Amino acid sequence: MKGGTGNGLGVPKIVDRSTFEAELDALRVREKAHTHEGDMIAAARRRLPMVETLLLRPPRKPKAGARDLPIWKR
């Protein structure tokens, strides 16, 4: 492996602080745009029309007790 100055295998290049801060600022602009787009998508999803549905539940069964079991399982 070469020193830490190359681009191979995901190793970032070494730069001065001003270059780093400039690239970080550019990345933050992209991240902010990404967050804004995600917020817009979520808002659009919340504005989708709804469909009325019926909640169907099975009939309630009484809980089984010891008297409901066959004699050989009591």
Protein backbone atom coordinates (compact mmCIF):
# COMPACT_ATOMS: atom_id res chain seq x y z
CA MET A 1 0.00 0.00 0.00
CA LYS A 2 1.25 3.43 -0.90
CA GLY A 3 1.63 6.20 1.69
CA GLY A 4 -1.87 7.92 2.21
CA THR A 5 -1.50 10.19 -0.79
CA GLY A 6 -3.07 7.98 -3.46
CA ASN A 7 -6.64 7.37 -4.55
CA GLY A 8 -6.45 3.56 -4.65
CA LEU A 9 -8.68 1.36 -2.48
CA GLY A 10 -10.81 4.22 -1.16
CA VAL A 11 -7.94 6.07 0.48
CA PRO A 12 -8.61 9.82 0.21
CA LYS A 13 -5.95 12.14 -1.12
CA ILE A 14 -4.13 14.47 1.26
CA VAL A 15 -4.92 18.16 0.71
CA ASP A 16 -4.52 21.46 2.55
CA ARG A 17 -7.24 22.77 4.87
CA SER A 18 -8.67 25.32 2.42
CA THR A 19 -9.19 22.64 -0.26
CA PHE A 20 -10.79 20.36 2.32
CA GLU A 21 -13.15 23.10 3.54
CA ALA A 22 -14.10 24.05 -0.04
CA GLU A 23 -14.98 20.43 -0.86
CA LEU A 24 -16.81 20.07 2.47
CA ASP A 25 -18.87 23.19 1.73
CA ALA A 26 -19.76 21.82 -1.72
CA LEU A 27 -20.77 18.50 -0.16
CA ARG A 28 -22.96 20.27 2.40
CA VAL A 29 -24.78 22.08 -0.42
CA ARG A 30 -25.45 18.71 -2.09
CA GLU A 31 -26.59 17.19 1.24
CA LYS A 32 -28.95 20.10 1.88
CA ALA A 33 -30.46 19.71 -1.60
CA HIS A 34 -30.83 15.97 -1.00
CA THR A 35 -32.58 16.57 2.34
CA HIS A 36 -34.88 19.15 0.76
CA GLU A 37 -35.79 16.75 -2.06
CA GLY A 38 -36.54 13.99 0.47
CA ASP A 39 -38.76 16.38 2.42
CA MET A 40 -40.62 17.32 -0.76
CA ILE A 41 -41.19 13.65 -1.61
CA ALA A 42 -42.48 12.94 1.92
CA ALA A 43 -44.84 15.94 1.72
CA ALA A 44 -46.15 14.75 -1.65
CA ARG A 45 -46.74 11.29 -0.17
CA ARG A 46 -48.75 12.80 2.70
CA ARG A 47 -50.89 14.72 0.19
CA LEU A 48 -51.84 11.58 -1.75
CA PRO A 49 -55.58 10.91 -1.79
CA MET A 50 -56.86 8.26 0.57
CA VAL A 51 -58.97 5.20 -0.11
CA GLU A 52 -61.72 4.32 2.32
CA THR A 53 -61.36 0.80 3.64
CA LEU A 54 -63.33 -1.36 6.02
CA LEU A 55 -61.63 -3.03 8.90
CA LEU A 56 -62.96 -6.56 9.08
CA ARG A 57 -62.31 -8.46 12.27
CA PRO A 58 -63.07 -12.11 12.89
CA PRO A 59 -65.83 -12.79 15.42
CA ARG A 60 -64.60 -12.96 19.00
CA LYS A 61 -64.41 -16.43 20.44
CA PRO A 62 -64.80 -17.00 24.16
CA LYS A 63 -61.58 -18.04 25.83
CA ALA A 64 -61.27 -21.77 26.33
CA GLY A 65 -61.19 -22.93 29.91
CA ALA A 66 -60.41 -26.26 31.53
CA ARG A 67 -64.05 -27.36 31.13
CA ASP A 68 -63.71 -27.02 27.35
CA LEU A 69 -60.85 -29.53 27.19
CA PRO A 70 -61.50 -33.23 26.69
CA ILE A 71 -61.46 -35.26 29.89
CA TRP A 72 -58.15 -36.95 29.10
CA LYS A 73 -56.34 -33.56 28.79
CA ARG A 74 -57.56 -32.00 32.08
